[in-house]
Amino acid sequence: MQATVNDSTKLQESLDLITVWASDWQLQVYQLKMLHTCWLCVGSCPVTCTYDVGASVISNNTQCTDVGITVTSNLSPSLHHG
């Protein structure tokens, strides 16, 4: 299944709803944390897009790390082998 422009639009709309919800509840999105947030497209991605949360752009990377585990866009385990 490949991503479509509609999928990207829905994701950005969801991020916008989170931003509005946080504002309504007087919660701030921690901007420094957003500098370390990324999104990853696995496989081929025919849709080129950017996402943002408030004023922060979420970067599109070829690899992302979360809880010490690095995931690459080609799902290669090579980063985990010494």
N, C-alpha and C. Protein backbone atom coordinates (compact mmCIF):
# COMPACT_ATOMS: atom_id res chain seq x y z
N MET A 1 0.85 -1.18 0.00
CA MET A 1 0.00 0.00 0.00
C MET A 1 0.90 1.24 0.00
N GLN A 2 0.64 2.14 -0.91
CA GLN A 2 1.45 3.35 -0.99
C GLN A 2 0.67 4.55 -0.45
N ALA A 3 1.44 5.48 0.10
CA ALA A 3 0.83 6.71 0.63
C ALA A 3 0.30 7.56 -0.51
N THR A 4 -0.77 8.26 -0.23
CA THR A 4 -1.35 9.17 -1.21
C THR A 4 -1.36 10.58 -0.65
N VAL A 5 -1.65 11.53 -1.50
CA VAL A 5 -1.78 12.92 -1.04
C VAL A 5 -2.87 13.02 0.01
N ASN A 6 -3.95 12.25 -0.16
CA ASN A 6 -5.04 12.26 0.81
C ASN A 6 -4.56 11.77 2.18
N ASP A 7 -3.69 10.74 2.20
CA ASP A 7 -3.14 10.25 3.47
C ASP A 7 -2.34 11.35 4.16
N SER A 8 -1.53 12.06 3.39
CA SER A 8 -0.71 13.14 3.94
C SER A 8 -1.58 14.26 4.49
N THR A 9 -2.63 14.57 3.77
CA THR A 9 -3.56 15.61 4.22
C THR A 9 -4.24 15.20 5.53
N LYS A 10 -4.67 13.95 5.62
CA LYS A 10 -5.31 13.46 6.84
C LYS A 10 -4.36 13.50 8.03
N LEU A 11 -3.11 13.12 7.79
CA LEU A 11 -2.14 13.16 8.88
C LEU A 11 -1.91 14.59 9.35
N GLN A 12 -1.75 15.53 8.43
CA GLN A 12 -1.55 16.92 8.83
C GLN A 12 -2.78 17.47 9.55
N GLU A 13 -3.97 17.10 9.11
CA GLU A 13 -5.19 17.53 9.78
C GLU A 13 -5.23 17.00 11.22
N SER A 14 -4.79 15.78 11.41
CA SER A 14 -4.74 15.20 12.76
C SER A 14 -3.74 15.94 13.64
N LEU A 15 -2.59 16.26 13.07
CA LEU A 15 -1.58 17.03 13.82
C LEU A 15 -2.12 18.42 14.18
N ASP A 16 -2.88 19.01 13.26
CA ASP A 16 -3.49 20.32 13.54
C ASP A 16 -4.51 20.21 14.68
N LEU A 17 -5.29 19.13 14.70
CA LEU A 17 -6.26 18.94 15.78
C LEU A 17 -5.56 18.78 17.13
N ILE A 18 -4.43 18.09 17.14
CA ILE A 18 -3.66 17.95 18.38
C ILE A 18 -3.16 19.32 18.84
N THR A 19 -2.71 20.14 17.91
CA THR A 19 -2.22 21.47 18.24
C THR A 19 -3.34 22.32 18.83
N VAL A 20 -4.52 22.27 18.24
CA VAL A 20 -5.67 23.04 18.74
C VAL A 20 -6.08 22.52 20.11
N TRP A 21 -6.13 21.19 20.28
CA TRP A 21 -6.48 20.61 21.57
C TRP A 21 -5.51 21.07 22.66
N ALA A 22 -4.21 21.02 22.35
CA ALA A 22 -3.21 21.45 23.33
C ALA A 22 -3.40 22.92 23.69
N SER A 23 -3.69 23.74 22.70
CA SER A 23 -3.92 25.16 22.95
C SER A 23 -5.17 25.38 23.79
N ASP A 24 -6.24 24.66 23.47
CA ASP A 24 -7.49 24.79 24.23
C ASP A 24 -7.28 24.44 25.70
N TRP A 25 -6.43 23.48 25.97
CA TRP A 25 -6.17 23.05 27.34
C TRP A 25 -4.95 23.75 27.93
N GLN A 26 -4.50 24.79 27.25
CA GLN A 26 -3.36 25.61 27.67
C GLN A 26 -2.11 24.76 27.92
N LEU A 27 -1.91 23.80 27.02
CA LEU A 27 -0.71 22.97 27.05
C LEU A 27 0.20 23.42 25.92
N GLN A 28 1.47 23.41 26.18
CA GLN A 28 2.41 23.82 25.15
C GLN A 28 3.13 22.60 24.59
N VAL A 29 3.30 22.59 23.28
CA VAL A 29 4.12 21.56 22.66
C VAL A 29 5.56 21.94 22.94
N TYR A 30 6.29 21.03 23.53
CA TYR A 30 7.67 21.30 23.91
C TYR A 30 8.51 21.44 22.65
N GLN A 31 8.86 22.67 22.31
CA GLN A 31 9.54 22.96 21.05
C GLN A 31 10.89 22.27 20.92
N LEU A 32 11.63 22.16 22.02
CA LEU A 32 12.94 21.51 21.95
C LEU A 32 12.77 20.03 21.58
N LYS A 33 11.74 19.39 22.09
CA LYS A 33 11.47 17.99 21.75
C LYS A 33 11.16 17.85 20.26
N MET A 34 10.49 18.85 19.71
CA MET A 34 10.14 18.78 18.30
C MET A 34 11.38 18.79 17.41
N LEU A 35 12.49 19.32 17.89
CA LEU A 35 13.72 19.30 17.10
C LEU A 35 14.22 17.88 16.89
N HIS A 36 13.82 16.97 17.78
CA HIS A 36 14.28 15.58 17.70
C HIS A 36 13.20 14.64 17.18
N THR A 37 12.11 15.21 16.70
CA THR A 37 11.01 14.41 16.17
C THR A 37 11.18 14.28 14.66
N CYS A 38 10.96 13.09 14.15
CA CYS A 38 11.07 12.90 12.71
C CYS A 38 10.00 11.92 12.25
N TRP A 39 9.79 11.89 10.97
CA TRP A 39 8.91 10.89 10.39
C TRP A 39 9.70 10.14 9.35
N LEU A 40 9.30 8.91 9.12
CA LEU A 40 10.05 7.99 8.29
C LEU A 40 9.11 7.37 7.27
N CYS A 41 9.51 7.40 6.02
CA CYS A 41 8.75 6.74 4.97
C CYS A 41 9.45 5.42 4.66
N VAL A 42 8.75 4.33 4.84
CA VAL A 42 9.33 3.01 4.60
C VAL A 42 9.01 2.59 3.17
N GLY A 43 10.05 2.19 2.45
CA GLY A 43 9.87 1.79 1.06
C GLY A 43 9.83 3.01 0.15
N SER A 44 9.13 2.89 -0.95
CA SER A 44 9.05 4.02 -1.89
C SER A 44 7.93 4.95 -1.47
N CYS A 45 8.18 6.22 -1.58
CA CYS A 45 7.20 7.23 -1.18
C CYS A 45 6.93 8.17 -2.35
N PRO A 46 5.84 7.93 -3.06
CA PRO A 46 5.54 8.77 -4.21
C PRO A 46 5.09 10.17 -3.83
N VAL A 47 4.74 10.37 -2.57
CA VAL A 47 4.22 11.66 -2.11
C VAL A 47 5.33 12.38 -1.33
N THR A 48 5.65 13.59 -1.75
CA THR A 48 6.62 14.40 -1.03
C THR A 48 5.84 15.45 -0.26
N CYS A 49 6.04 15.49 1.05
CA CYS A 49 5.29 16.43 1.86
C CYS A 49 6.08 16.76 3.12
N THR A 50 5.64 17.79 3.79
CA THR A 50 6.20 18.13 5.09
C THR A 50 5.03 18.21 6.07
N TYR A 51 5.35 17.96 7.33
CA TYR A 51 4.35 18.04 8.39
C TYR A 51 4.83 19.02 9.43
N ASP A 52 3.88 19.65 10.09
CA ASP A 52 4.26 20.56 11.17
C ASP A 52 3.29 20.42 12.33
N VAL A 53 3.82 20.74 13.51
CA VAL A 53 3.02 20.82 14.72
C VAL A 53 3.24 22.23 15.24
N GLY A 54 2.20 23.04 15.14
CA GLY A 54 2.37 24.45 15.49
C GLY A 54 3.38 25.08 14.54
N ALA A 55 4.40 25.70 15.12
CA ALA A 55 5.43 26.37 14.31
C ALA A 55 6.61 25.44 14.01
N SER A 56 6.57 24.22 14.50
CA SER A 56 7.69 23.29 14.33
C SER A 56 7.46 22.34 13.17
N VAL A 57 8.45 22.26 12.29
CA VAL A 57 8.39 21.33 11.17
C VAL A 57 8.97 19.99 11.62
N ILE A 58 8.27 18.91 11.31
CA ILE A 58 8.76 17.57 11.61
C ILE A 58 9.58 17.11 10.41
N SER A 59 10.83 16.79 10.65
CA SER A 59 11.72 16.47 9.54
C SER A 59 11.47 15.06 9.00
N ASN A 60 11.69 14.92 7.69
CA ASN A 60 11.61 13.62 7.02
C ASN A 60 13.01 13.07 6.94
N ASN A 61 13.27 11.96 7.58
CA ASN A 61 14.60 11.39 7.65
C ASN A 61 14.64 10.01 7.02
N THR A 62 15.85 9.53 6.75
CA THR A 62 16.02 8.16 6.25
C THR A 62 16.17 7.19 7.42
N GLN A 63 16.33 7.74 8.63
CA GLN A 63 16.36 6.89 9.82
C GLN A 63 15.88 7.70 11.01
N CYS A 64 15.21 7.02 11.94
CA CYS A 64 14.71 7.65 13.16
C CYS A 64 15.03 6.72 14.33
N THR A 65 15.33 7.32 15.48
CA THR A 65 15.63 6.54 16.67
C THR A 65 14.60 6.87 17.74
N ASP A 66 14.08 5.81 18.36
CA ASP A 66 13.13 5.97 19.46
C ASP A 66 13.44 4.89 20.48
N VAL A 67 13.48 5.25 21.73
CA VAL A 67 13.84 4.38 22.85
C VAL A 67 15.06 3.52 22.54
N GLY A 68 16.04 4.14 21.89
CA GLY A 68 17.31 3.48 21.62
C GLY A 68 17.32 2.55 20.42
N ILE A 69 16.21 2.46 19.70
CA ILE A 69 16.14 1.60 18.52
C ILE A 69 16.08 2.48 17.28
N THR A 70 17.01 2.23 16.36
CA THR A 70 17.04 2.98 15.11
C THR A 70 16.32 2.20 14.03
N VAL A 71 15.41 2.86 13.34
CA VAL A 71 14.67 2.25 12.23
C VAL A 71 15.04 3.04 10.98
N THR A 72 15.40 2.32 9.91
CA THR A 72 15.75 2.96 8.65
C THR A 72 14.62 2.81 7.65
N SER A 73 14.63 3.65 6.63
CA SER A 73 13.56 3.62 5.64
C SER A 73 13.54 2.32 4.83
N ASN A 74 14.67 1.60 4.78
CA ASN A 74 14.68 0.32 4.08
C ASN A 74 14.60 -0.85 5.07
N LEU A 75 14.37 -0.55 6.34
CA LEU A 75 14.23 -1.53 7.42
C LEU A 75 15.47 -2.41 7.58
N SER A 76 16.62 -1.90 7.19
CA SER A 76 17.87 -2.65 7.31
C SER A 76 18.32 -2.75 8.75
N PRO A 77 18.74 -3.95 9.19
CA PRO A 77 19.25 -4.10 10.55
C PRO A 77 20.74 -3.75 10.69
N SER A 78 21.35 -3.26 9.62
CA SER A 78 22.80 -3.06 9.61
C SER A 78 23.29 -2.11 10.70
N LEU A 79 22.48 -1.16 11.12
CA LEU A 79 22.90 -0.22 12.17
C LEU A 79 23.01 -0.91 13.51
N HIS A 80 22.39 -2.08 13.66
CA HIS A 80 22.39 -2.78 14.94
C HIS A 80 23.44 -3.89 15.01
N HIS A 81 24.17 -4.08 13.94
CA HIS A 81 25.21 -5.11 13.92
C HIS A 81 26.57 -4.44 13.97
N GLY A 82 27.42 -4.88 14.90
CA GLY A 82 28.74 -4.29 15.10
C GLY A 82 29.65 -4.60 14.00
